[in-house]
C-alpha cells in the first residue's frame, strides 16, 4: 500500500509545480487584461492586438471606436485592445 502512495507523490508534486509556474501566472495576466479593458475611457491612447495605435473616440459595452492619426475612425471589439499607452486621466494632470 505504501508503494502505491509513493508512486503518486512525484505526480502530485509535478501538478503543484505546473500550477504555480504556469496556471497561476496566466490567470493573473488574464485578470489584469480584463481589468484594463473594463477601465478604458474616451481619450485613452491605446494599441490594439493588431498593432494599430490610436485614441479612443467613443466606447460602449462591446465596441470601441478608435481615431487614427489621419483622422479616420475604426470600430473594434473592446477585447482587441492590447494596452493603454497613455490614460486620458494621466494626460489631464
C-alpha atoms as a PDB file:
ATOM      1  CA  UNK A   1       0.000   0.000   0.000  1.00  0.00           C
ATOM      2  CA  UNK A   2       2.813   2.421   0.797  1.00  0.00           C
ATOM      3  CA  UNK A   3       4.335   1.659  -2.627  1.00  0.00           C
ATOM      4  CA  UNK A   4       1.161   2.925  -4.311  1.00  0.00           C
ATOM      5  CA  UNK A   5       1.272   6.241  -2.463  1.00  0.00           C
ATOM      6  CA  UNK A   6       4.976   6.588  -3.211  1.00  0.00           C
ATOM      7  CA  UNK A   7       4.321   6.486  -6.944  1.00  0.00           C
ATOM      8  CA  UNK A   8       1.706   9.249  -6.751  1.00  0.00           C
ATOM      9  CA  UNK A   9       3.862  11.723  -4.809  1.00  0.00           C
ATOM     10  CA  UNK A  10       6.012  12.742  -7.838  1.00  0.00           C
ATOM     11  CA  UNK A  11       2.846  13.121  -9.915  1.00  0.00           C
ATOM     12  CA  UNK A  12       1.241  15.345  -7.275  1.00  0.00           C
ATOM     13  CA  UNK A  13       4.423  17.410  -6.931  1.00  0.00           C
ATOM     14  CA  UNK A  14       4.540  17.866 -10.712  1.00  0.00           C
ATOM     15  CA  UNK A  15       0.925  19.086 -10.746  1.00  0.00           C
ATOM     16  CA  UNK A  16       1.628  21.572  -7.933  1.00  0.00           C
ATOM     17  CA  UNK A  17       4.717  22.802  -9.779  1.00  0.00           C
ATOM     18  CA  UNK A  18       2.758  23.286 -13.014  1.00  0.00           C
ATOM     19  CA  UNK A  19       0.064  25.159 -11.122  1.00  0.00           C
ATOM     20  CA  UNK A  20       2.444  27.685  -9.577  1.00  0.00           C
ATOM     21  CA  UNK A  21       4.678  28.090 -12.647  1.00  0.00           C
ATOM     22  CA  UNK A  22       2.129  28.068 -15.475  1.00  0.00           C
ATOM     23  CA  UNK A  23      -1.525  28.211 -14.484  1.00  0.00           C
ATOM     24  CA  UNK A  24      -1.473  30.827 -11.715  1.00  0.00           C
ATOM     25  CA  UNK A  25       0.614  33.452 -13.622  1.00  0.00           C
ATOM     26  CA  UNK A  26      -1.655  33.035 -16.670  1.00  0.00           C
ATOM     27  CA  UNK A  27      -4.735  33.657 -14.510  1.00  0.00           C
ATOM     28  CA  UNK A  28      -3.124  36.813 -13.104  1.00  0.00           C
ATOM     29  CA  UNK A  29      -2.355  38.075 -16.624  1.00  0.00           C
ATOM     30  CA  UNK A  30      -5.935  37.417 -17.755  1.00  0.00           C
ATOM     31  CA  UNK A  31      -7.304  39.240 -14.713  1.00  0.00           C
ATOM     32  CA  UNK A  32      -5.091  42.292 -15.341  1.00  0.00           C
ATOM     33  CA  UNK A  33      -6.062  42.394 -19.039  1.00  0.00           C
ATOM     34  CA  UNK A  34      -9.769  42.197 -18.159  1.00  0.00           C
ATOM     35  CA  UNK A  35      -9.346  44.967 -15.585  1.00  0.00           C
ATOM     36  CA  UNK A  36      -7.526  47.149 -18.146  1.00  0.00           C
ATOM     37  CA  UNK A  37     -10.200  46.562 -20.796  1.00  0.00           C
ATOM     38  CA  UNK A  38     -13.020  47.335 -18.365  1.00  0.00           C
ATOM     39  CA  UNK A  39     -11.381  50.619 -17.329  1.00  0.00           C
ATOM     40  CA  UNK A  40     -10.987  52.010 -20.853  1.00  0.00           C
ATOM     41  CA  UNK A  41     -12.272  55.550 -21.317  1.00  0.00           C
ATOM     42  CA  UNK A  42     -12.612  58.156 -24.040  1.00  0.00           C
ATOM     43  CA  UNK A  43      -9.325  59.869 -24.850  1.00  0.00           C
ATOM     44  CA  UNK A  44      -7.047  56.965 -23.865  1.00  0.00           C
ATOM     45  CA  UNK A  45      -4.142  56.340 -26.232  1.00  0.00           C
ATOM     46  CA  UNK A  46      -4.153  52.628 -26.986  1.00  0.00           C
ATOM     47  CA  UNK A  47      -2.571  49.874 -29.063  1.00  0.00           C
ATOM     48  CA  UNK A  48      -4.704  47.053 -30.466  1.00  0.00           C
ATOM     49  CA  UNK A  49      -3.727  43.402 -30.751  1.00  0.00           C
ATOM     50  CA  UNK A  50      -3.020  44.027 -34.454  1.00  0.00           C
ATOM     51  CA  UNK A  51      -0.634  46.878 -33.644  1.00  0.00           C
ATOM     52  CA  UNK A  52      -2.900  49.823 -34.508  1.00  0.00           C
ATOM     53  CA  UNK A  53      -2.119  52.941 -32.474  1.00  0.00           C
ATOM     54  CA  UNK A  54      -4.929  55.398 -31.841  1.00  0.00           C
ATOM     55  CA  UNK A  55      -7.097  57.328 -29.416  1.00  0.00           C
ATOM     56  CA  UNK A  56     -10.454  56.107 -28.150  1.00  0.00           C
ATOM     57  CA  UNK A  57     -13.148  58.320 -29.674  1.00  0.00           C
ATOM     58  CA  UNK A  58     -16.157  56.528 -28.191  1.00  0.00           C
ATOM     59  CA  UNK A  59     -16.805  53.360 -26.256  1.00  0.00           C
ATOM     60  CA  UNK A  60     -19.721  51.119 -25.295  1.00  0.00           C
ATOM     61  CA  UNK A  61     -20.158  47.691 -23.707  1.00  0.00           C
ATOM     62  CA  UNK A  62     -18.637  45.620 -26.514  1.00  0.00           C
ATOM     63  CA  UNK A  63     -17.130  48.011 -29.078  1.00  0.00           C
ATOM     64  CA  UNK A  64     -14.647  50.843 -29.157  1.00  0.00           C
ATOM     65  CA  UNK A  65     -14.230  53.468 -31.894  1.00  0.00           C
ATOM     66  CA  UNK A  66     -10.578  54.377 -32.397  1.00  0.00           C
ATOM     67  CA  UNK A  67      -9.466  57.626 -34.013  1.00  0.00           C
ATOM     68  CA  UNK A  68      -6.304  57.083 -36.052  1.00  0.00           C
ATOM     69  CA  UNK A  69      -3.563  59.558 -36.931  1.00  0.00           C
ATOM     70  CA  UNK A  70      -5.114  60.515 -40.263  1.00  0.00           C
ATOM     71  CA  UNK A  71      -8.475  61.277 -38.626  1.00  0.00           C
ATOM     72  CA  UNK A  72     -10.233  58.108 -39.719  1.00  0.00           C
ATOM     73  CA  UNK A  73     -12.337  56.256 -37.183  1.00  0.00           C
ATOM     74  CA  UNK A  74     -12.279  52.476 -36.937  1.00  0.00           C
ATOM     75  CA  UNK A  75     -14.594  50.269 -34.886  1.00  0.00           C
ATOM     76  CA  UNK A  76     -13.036  47.380 -32.965  1.00  0.00           C
ATOM     77  CA  UNK A  77     -14.201  44.883 -30.379  1.00  0.00           C
ATOM     78  CA  UNK A  78     -13.331  46.009 -26.882  1.00  0.00           C
ATOM     79  CA  UNK A  79     -11.358  42.771 -26.396  1.00  0.00           C
ATOM     80  CA  UNK A  80      -8.949  43.716 -29.198  1.00  0.00           C
ATOM     81  CA  UNK A  81      -7.249  46.413 -27.096  1.00  0.00           C
ATOM     82  CA  UNK A  82      -3.828  45.122 -26.045  1.00  0.00           C
ATOM     83  CA  UNK A  83      -2.562  48.002 -23.912  1.00  0.00           C
ATOM     84  CA  UNK A  84      -3.195  51.555 -22.830  1.00  0.00           C
ATOM     85  CA  UNK A  85      -0.172  53.691 -23.738  1.00  0.00           C
ATOM     86  CA  UNK A  86      -1.439  56.836 -22.029  1.00  0.00           C
ATOM     87  CA  UNK A  87      -4.591  57.215 -19.998  1.00  0.00           C
ATOM     88  CA  UNK A  88      -6.791  60.267 -20.611  1.00  0.00           C
ATOM     89  CA  UNK A  89      -6.706  60.907 -16.851  1.00  0.00           C
ATOM     90  CA  UNK A  90      -2.879  60.986 -16.834  1.00  0.00           C
ATOM     91  CA  UNK A  91      -2.804  63.379 -19.795  1.00  0.00           C
ATOM     92  CA  UNK A  92      -5.031  65.901 -17.985  1.00  0.00           C
ATOM     93  CA  UNK A  93      -2.848  66.015 -14.868  1.00  0.00           C
END
